[in-house]
Amino acid sequence: MLELSALGLLQRHPLHGYRLKQELELFMSSCMSVNYGAIYPLLKRLEERGYIAAIARESGDAGPSRTIYGITPSGCDRWRQKMLEHPQDSWVKSRARFAIKCFFFSDLEPEARLELMEHRLVLCRARYKSFSEKPLPEDSYQVAVWNRHLDVLKSEIKWVQEQIAIEVQQSGHGDRGKAKGGANHLGDR
């Protein structure tokens, strides 16, 4: 997720490592933790793979100069590949990955955004169905947590459906939202 986020931010404008960390913390802190020690090794890997390139050096006021990085065409391709992939993640990680992808939705065409939202909706509905069909635990605290989880899933399903409807309306994809994800049901229950 860090690679996806870093490439996405660098696609918008060139940054040096410290500024990249600041922007990651500002925009992605609700989705992932940003370890300062991971930024420079990531930048080095991305540069070695040809996804980014040093484009300038900025002299520091009190410290060493900073290397400013920009994304390369192969970096843009890599970012797009990471945006459109559907890795087998844990539920928590998949939620965070989707939130990060949403942050960069304006950099994708409507068809790709719709495909990502519809995929997320399918996952949410399957998880909701799976959880709602299981017998409730007997412990009242476990039941409270169980019900909270179902409420969060309902909320996410509703939000994704709303985003699909907005996308369909704005992009003129007609009945696509109704057929694949815009209907107002949570699952089969």
C-alpha atoms as a PDB file:
ATOM      1  CA  MET A   1       0.000   0.000   0.000  1.00  0.00           C
ATOM      2  CA  LEU A   2       2.931   2.300   0.658  1.00  0.00           C
ATOM      3  CA  GLU A   3       4.179   1.870  -2.908  1.00  0.00           C
ATOM      4  CA  LEU A   4       0.712   2.604  -4.311  1.00  0.00           C
ATOM      5  CA  SER A   5       0.380   5.703  -2.135  1.00  0.00           C
ATOM      6  CA  ALA A   6       3.860   7.027  -2.843  1.00  0.00           C
ATOM      7  CA  LEU A   7       3.526   6.577  -6.600  1.00  0.00           C
ATOM      8  CA  GLY A   8       0.088   8.187  -6.505  1.00  0.00           C
ATOM      9  CA  LEU A   9       1.378  11.246  -4.694  1.00  0.00           C
ATOM     10  CA  LEU A  10       4.446  11.505  -6.919  1.00  0.00           C
ATOM     11  CA  GLN A  11       2.189  11.262  -9.947  1.00  0.00           C
ATOM     12  CA  ARG A  12       0.491  14.449  -8.785  1.00  0.00           C
ATOM     13  CA  HIS A  13       3.708  16.404  -8.165  1.00  0.00           C
ATOM     14  CA  PRO A  14       7.424  15.863  -7.468  1.00  0.00           C
ATOM     15  CA  LEU A  15       8.409  15.518  -3.803  1.00  0.00           C
ATOM     16  CA  HIS A  16      11.422  14.927  -1.604  1.00  0.00           C
ATOM     17  CA  GLY A  17      11.329  12.130   0.955  1.00  0.00           C
ATOM     18  CA  TYR A  18      10.401  14.218   3.984  1.00  0.00           C
ATOM     19  CA  ARG A  19       7.581  15.989   2.159  1.00  0.00           C
ATOM     20  CA  LEU A  20       6.352  12.633   0.826  1.00  0.00           C
ATOM     21  CA  LYS A  21       6.170  11.326   4.399  1.00  0.00           C
ATOM     22  CA  GLN A  22       4.264  14.437   5.505  1.00  0.00           C
ATOM     23  CA  GLU A  23       1.712  14.056   2.712  1.00  0.00           C
ATOM     24  CA  LEU A  24       1.329  10.332   3.378  1.00  0.00           C
ATOM     25  CA  GLU A  25       0.651  11.076   7.041  1.00  0.00           C
ATOM     26  CA  LEU A  26      -1.745  13.877   6.207  1.00  0.00           C
ATOM     27  CA  PHE A  27      -3.808  12.023   3.633  1.00  0.00           C
ATOM     28  CA  MET A  28      -3.341   8.328   4.469  1.00  0.00           C
ATOM     29  CA  SER A  29      -2.997   8.188   8.270  1.00  0.00           C
ATOM     30  CA  SER A  30      -6.505   6.789   8.696  1.00  0.00           C
ATOM     31  CA  CYS A  31      -5.620   3.915   6.340  1.00  0.00           C
ATOM     32  CA  MET A  32      -2.052   3.015   7.185  1.00  0.00           C
ATOM     33  CA  SER A  33       0.794   3.887   9.467  1.00  0.00           C
ATOM     34  CA  VAL A  34       3.732   5.611   7.872  1.00  0.00           C
ATOM     35  CA  ASN A  35       7.110   4.652   9.266  1.00  0.00           C
ATOM     36  CA  TYR A  36       9.715   7.309   8.532  1.00  0.00           C
ATOM     37  CA  GLY A  37      12.369   4.606   8.242  1.00  0.00           C
ATOM     38  CA  ALA A  38      10.463   2.985   5.369  1.00  0.00           C
ATOM     39  CA  ILE A  39      10.297   6.062   3.121  1.00  0.00           C
ATOM     40  CA  TYR A  40      13.904   6.287   1.952  1.00  0.00           C
ATOM     41  CA  PRO A  41      14.341   2.540   1.296  1.00  0.00           C
ATOM     42  CA  LEU A  42      11.070   2.694  -0.666  1.00  0.00           C
ATOM     43  CA  LEU A  43      12.299   5.661  -2.701  1.00  0.00           C
ATOM     44  CA  LYS A  44      15.557   3.819  -3.397  1.00  0.00           C
ATOM     45  CA  ARG A  45      13.694   0.681  -4.568  1.00  0.00           C
ATOM     46  CA  LEU A  46      11.342   2.711  -6.752  1.00  0.00           C
ATOM     47  CA  GLU A  47      14.284   4.539  -8.303  1.00  0.00           C
ATOM     48  CA  GLU A  48      16.222   1.284  -8.889  1.00  0.00           C
ATOM     49  CA  ARG A  49      13.186  -0.195 -10.642  1.00  0.00           C
ATOM     50  CA  GLY A  50      12.818   2.880 -12.835  1.00  0.00           C
ATOM     51  CA  TYR A  51       9.461   3.975 -11.384  1.00  0.00           C
ATOM     52  CA  ILE A  52      10.793   7.311 -10.137  1.00  0.00           C
ATOM     53  CA  ALA A  53      13.814   9.466 -10.927  1.00  0.00           C
ATOM     54  CA  ALA A  54      15.701  12.190  -9.125  1.00  0.00           C
ATOM     55  CA  ILE A  55      14.782  15.383 -10.928  1.00  0.00           C
ATOM     56  CA  ALA A  56      16.341  18.065  -8.724  1.00  0.00           C
ATOM     57  CA  ARG A  57      18.230  18.782  -5.540  1.00  0.00           C
ATOM     58  CA  GLU A  58      16.942  21.258  -3.037  1.00  0.00           C
ATOM     59  CA  SER A  59      19.412  22.774  -0.607  1.00  0.00           C
ATOM     60  CA  GLY A  60      18.334  22.591   2.997  1.00  0.00           C
ATOM     61  CA  ASP A  61      18.435  25.668   5.210  1.00  0.00           C
ATOM     62  CA  ALA A  62      20.179  23.982   8.098  1.00  0.00           C
ATOM     63  CA  GLY A  63      20.820  20.480   6.858  1.00  0.00           C
ATOM     64  CA  PRO A  64      21.848  18.478   3.838  1.00  0.00           C
ATOM     65  CA  SER A  65      20.293  18.994   0.442  1.00  0.00           C
ATOM     66  CA  ARG A  66      17.225  16.992  -0.484  1.00  0.00           C
ATOM     67  CA  THR A  67      16.605  14.949  -3.595  1.00  0.00           C
ATOM     68  CA  ILE A  68      13.314  15.700  -5.286  1.00  0.00           C
ATOM     69  CA  TYR A  69      11.747  12.741  -7.079  1.00  0.00           C
ATOM     70  CA  GLY A  70       9.336  12.632  -9.979  1.00  0.00           C
ATOM     71  CA  ILE A  71       7.447   9.676 -11.379  1.00  0.00           C
ATOM     72  CA  THR A  72       8.516   8.104 -14.686  1.00  0.00           C
ATOM     73  CA  PRO A  73       6.208   6.707 -17.385  1.00  0.00           C
ATOM     74  CA  SER A  74       6.899   3.182 -16.105  1.00  0.00           C
ATOM     75  CA  GLY A  75       6.070   4.450 -12.609  1.00  0.00           C
ATOM     76  CA  CYS A  76       2.718   5.684 -13.907  1.00  0.00           C
ATOM     77  CA  ASP A  77       2.121   2.247 -15.425  1.00  0.00           C
ATOM     78  CA  ARG A  78       3.076   0.580 -12.144  1.00  0.00           C
ATOM     79  CA  TRP A  79       0.726   2.883 -10.203  1.00  0.00           C
ATOM     80  CA  ARG A  80      -2.145   2.012 -12.534  1.00  0.00           C
ATOM     81  CA  GLN A  81      -1.392  -1.705 -12.217  1.00  0.00           C
ATOM     82  CA  LYS A  82      -1.429  -1.410  -8.386  1.00  0.00           C
ATOM     83  CA  MET A  83      -4.679   0.580  -8.516  1.00  0.00           C
ATOM     84  CA  LEU A  84      -6.500  -2.002 -10.627  1.00  0.00           C
ATOM     85  CA  GLU A  85      -5.259  -5.167  -8.907  1.00  0.00           C
ATOM     86  CA  HIS A  86      -7.351  -7.121  -6.416  1.00  0.00           C
ATOM     87  CA  PRO A  87      -4.876  -8.813  -4.071  1.00  0.00           C
ATOM     88  CA  GLN A  88      -6.024 -11.409  -1.550  1.00  0.00           C
ATOM     89  CA  ASP A  89      -5.825  -9.252   1.576  1.00  0.00           C
ATOM     90  CA  SER A  90      -7.180  -9.626   5.073  1.00  0.00           C
ATOM     91  CA  TRP A  91     -10.475  -7.813   5.597  1.00  0.00           C
ATOM     92  CA  VAL A  92      -8.815  -4.948   7.486  1.00  0.00           C
ATOM     93  CA  LYS A  93      -6.081  -4.539   4.885  1.00  0.00           C
ATOM     94  CA  SER A  94      -8.568  -4.672   2.004  1.00  0.00           C
ATOM     95  CA  ARG A  95     -10.598  -1.884   3.618  1.00  0.00           C
ATOM     96  CA  ALA A  96      -7.482   0.260   4.006  1.00  0.00           C
ATOM     97  CA  ARG A  97      -6.339  -0.500   0.438  1.00  0.00           C
ATOM     98  CA  PHE A  98      -9.750   0.506  -0.939  1.00  0.00           C
ATOM     99  CA  ALA A  99      -9.696   3.778   1.029  1.00  0.00           C
ATOM    100  CA  ILE A 100      -6.263   4.586  -0.391  1.00  0.00           C
ATOM    101  CA  LYS A 101      -7.447   3.789  -3.897  1.00  0.00           C
ATOM    102  CA  CYS A 102     -10.446   6.099  -3.390  1.00  0.00           C
ATOM    103  CA  PHE A 103      -8.046   8.913  -2.577  1.00  0.00           C
ATOM    104  CA  PHE A 104      -6.653   8.609  -6.124  1.00  0.00           C
ATOM    105  CA  PHE A 105      -9.935   7.952  -7.968  1.00  0.00           C
ATOM    106  CA  SER A 106      -9.826  11.278  -9.785  1.00  0.00           C
ATOM    107  CA  ASP A 107      -6.683  10.015 -11.548  1.00  0.00           C
ATOM    108  CA  LEU A 108      -8.605   7.095 -13.098  1.00  0.00           C
ATOM    109  CA  GLU A 109     -11.223   7.022 -15.822  1.00  0.00           C
ATOM    110  CA  PRO A 110     -14.870   6.400 -14.790  1.00  0.00           C
ATOM    111  CA  GLU A 111     -14.913   2.802 -16.038  1.00  0.00           C
ATOM    112  CA  ALA A 112     -11.965   1.847 -13.809  1.00  0.00           C
ATOM    113  CA  ARG A 113     -13.487   3.618 -10.796  1.00  0.00           C
ATOM    114  CA  LEU A 114     -16.758   1.773 -11.312  1.00  0.00           C
ATOM    115  CA  GLU A 115     -15.002  -1.571 -11.587  1.00  0.00           C
ATOM    116  CA  LEU A 116     -13.124  -0.964  -8.311  1.00  0.00           C
ATOM    117  CA  MET A 117     -16.275   0.175  -6.485  1.00  0.00           C
ATOM    118  CA  GLU A 118     -18.304  -2.763  -7.786  1.00  0.00           C
ATOM    119  CA  HIS A 119     -15.585  -5.173  -6.684  1.00  0.00           C
ATOM    120  CA  ARG A 120     -15.586  -3.635  -3.193  1.00  0.00           C
ATOM    121  CA  LEU A 121     -19.370  -3.860  -3.035  1.00  0.00           C
ATOM    122  CA  VAL A 122     -19.270  -7.577  -3.877  1.00  0.00           C
ATOM    123  CA  LEU A 123     -16.705  -8.157  -1.105  1.00  0.00           C
ATOM    124  CA  CYS A 124     -18.715  -6.179   1.443  1.00  0.00           C
ATOM    125  CA  ARG A 125     -21.944  -7.970   0.611  1.00  0.00           C
ATOM    126  CA  ALA A 126     -20.274 -11.381   0.820  1.00  0.00           C
ATOM    127  CA  ARG A 127     -18.780 -10.507   4.202  1.00  0.00           C
ATOM    128  CA  TYR A 128     -22.111  -9.177   5.458  1.00  0.00           C
ATOM    129  CA  LYS A 129     -23.912 -12.316   4.314  1.00  0.00           C
ATOM    130  CA  SER A 130     -21.289 -14.562   5.892  1.00  0.00           C
ATOM    131  CA  PHE A 131     -21.473 -12.762   9.235  1.00  0.00           C
ATOM    132  CA  SER A 132     -25.240 -12.358   9.339  1.00  0.00           C
ATOM    133  CA  GLU A 133     -25.799 -16.097   8.738  1.00  0.00           C
ATOM    134  CA  LYS A 134     -23.604 -17.239  11.620  1.00  0.00           C
ATOM    135  CA  PRO A 135     -25.187 -17.898  15.006  1.00  0.00           C
ATOM    136  CA  LEU A 136     -24.677 -15.119  17.509  1.00  0.00           C
ATOM    137  CA  PRO A 137     -22.336 -15.769  20.409  1.00  0.00           C
ATOM    138  CA  GLU A 138     -23.880 -16.036  23.869  1.00  0.00           C
ATOM    139  CA  ASP A 139     -21.666 -13.432  25.528  1.00  0.00           C
ATOM    140  CA  SER A 140     -23.379 -10.022  25.493  1.00  0.00           C
ATOM    141  CA  TYR A 141     -20.128  -8.156  24.817  1.00  0.00           C
ATOM    142  CA  GLN A 142     -19.344 -10.400  21.879  1.00  0.00           C
ATOM    143  CA  VAL A 143     -22.866  -9.833  20.561  1.00  0.00           C
ATOM    144  CA  ALA A 144     -22.350  -6.072  20.866  1.00  0.00           C
ATOM    145  CA  VAL A 145     -19.093  -6.264  18.887  1.00  0.00           C
ATOM    146  CA  TRP A 146     -20.721  -8.597  16.344  1.00  0.00           C
ATOM    147  CA  ASN A 147     -23.604  -6.170  15.821  1.00  0.00           C
ATOM    148  CA  ARG A 148     -21.200  -3.239  15.561  1.00  0.00           C
ATOM    149  CA  HIS A 149     -19.303  -5.082  12.837  1.00  0.00           C
ATOM    150  CA  LEU A 150     -22.551  -5.657  10.933  1.00  0.00           C
ATOM    151  CA  ASP A 151     -23.473  -1.972  11.327  1.00  0.00           C
ATOM    152  CA  VAL A 152     -20.082  -0.917   9.927  1.00  0.00           C
ATOM    153  CA  LEU A 153     -20.558  -3.278   6.986  1.00  0.00           C
ATOM    154  CA  LYS A 154     -24.067  -1.909   6.320  1.00  0.00           C
ATOM    155  CA  SER A 155     -22.674   1.601   6.390  1.00  0.00           C
ATOM    156  CA  GLU A 156     -19.855   0.746   3.988  1.00  0.00           C
ATOM    157  CA  ILE A 157     -22.249  -1.022   1.613  1.00  0.00           C
ATOM    158  CA  LYS A 158     -24.541   2.000   1.619  1.00  0.00           C
ATOM    159  CA  TRP A 159     -21.632   4.380   1.030  1.00  0.00           C
ATOM    160  CA  VAL A 160     -20.211   2.341  -1.863  1.00  0.00           C
ATOM    161  CA  GLN A 161     -23.688   2.098  -3.428  1.00  0.00           C
ATOM    162  CA  GLU A 162     -24.022   5.875  -3.182  1.00  0.00           C
ATOM    163  CA  GLN A 163     -20.600   6.377  -4.784  1.00  0.00           C
ATOM    164  CA  ILE A 164     -21.528   4.012  -7.616  1.00  0.00           C
ATOM    165  CA  ALA A 165     -24.781   5.894  -8.190  1.00  0.00           C
ATOM    166  CA  ILE A 166     -22.917   9.213  -8.304  1.00  0.00           C
ATOM    167  CA  GLU A 167     -20.327   7.802 -10.700  1.00  0.00           C
ATOM    168  CA  VAL A 168     -22.981   6.327 -12.968  1.00  0.00           C
ATOM    169  CA  GLN A 169     -24.897   9.597 -13.004  1.00  0.00           C
ATOM    170  CA  GLN A 170     -21.821  11.730 -13.694  1.00  0.00           C
ATOM    171  CA  SER A 171     -20.297   9.457 -16.304  1.00  0.00           C
ATOM    172  CA  GLY A 172     -23.486   8.489 -18.089  1.00  0.00           C
ATOM    173  CA  HIS A 173     -23.121   4.737 -17.721  1.00  0.00           C
ATOM    174  CA  GLY A 174     -26.903   4.281 -17.736  1.00  0.00           C
ATOM    175  CA  ASP A 175     -28.215   1.189 -15.988  1.00  0.00           C
ATOM    176  CA  ARG A 176     -24.809  -0.159 -15.009  1.00  0.00           C
ATOM    177  CA  GLY A 177     -25.110   0.925 -11.370  1.00  0.00           C
ATOM    178  CA  LYS A 178     -28.511  -0.722 -10.965  1.00  0.00           C
ATOM    179  CA  ALA A 179     -27.385  -3.977 -12.507  1.00  0.00           C
ATOM    180  CA  LYS A 180     -24.087  -4.355 -10.695  1.00  0.00           C
ATOM    181  CA  GLY A 181     -24.159  -2.424  -7.490  1.00  0.00           C
ATOM    182  CA  GLY A 182     -26.602   0.393  -7.202  1.00  0.00           C
ATOM    183  CA  ALA A 183     -29.565  -1.537  -5.848  1.00  0.00           C
ATOM    184  CA  ASN A 184     -30.468  -0.678  -2.274  1.00  0.00           C
ATOM    185  CA  HIS A 185     -30.058  -4.080  -0.668  1.00  0.00           C
ATOM    186  CA  LEU A 186     -27.298  -5.208   1.647  1.00  0.00           C
ATOM    187  CA  GLY A 187     -27.190  -8.857   0.912  1.00  0.00           C
ATOM    188  CA  ASP A 188     -29.553 -11.740   0.595  1.00  0.00           C
ATOM    189  CA  ARG A 189     -30.973 -11.112   4.032  1.00  0.00           C
END
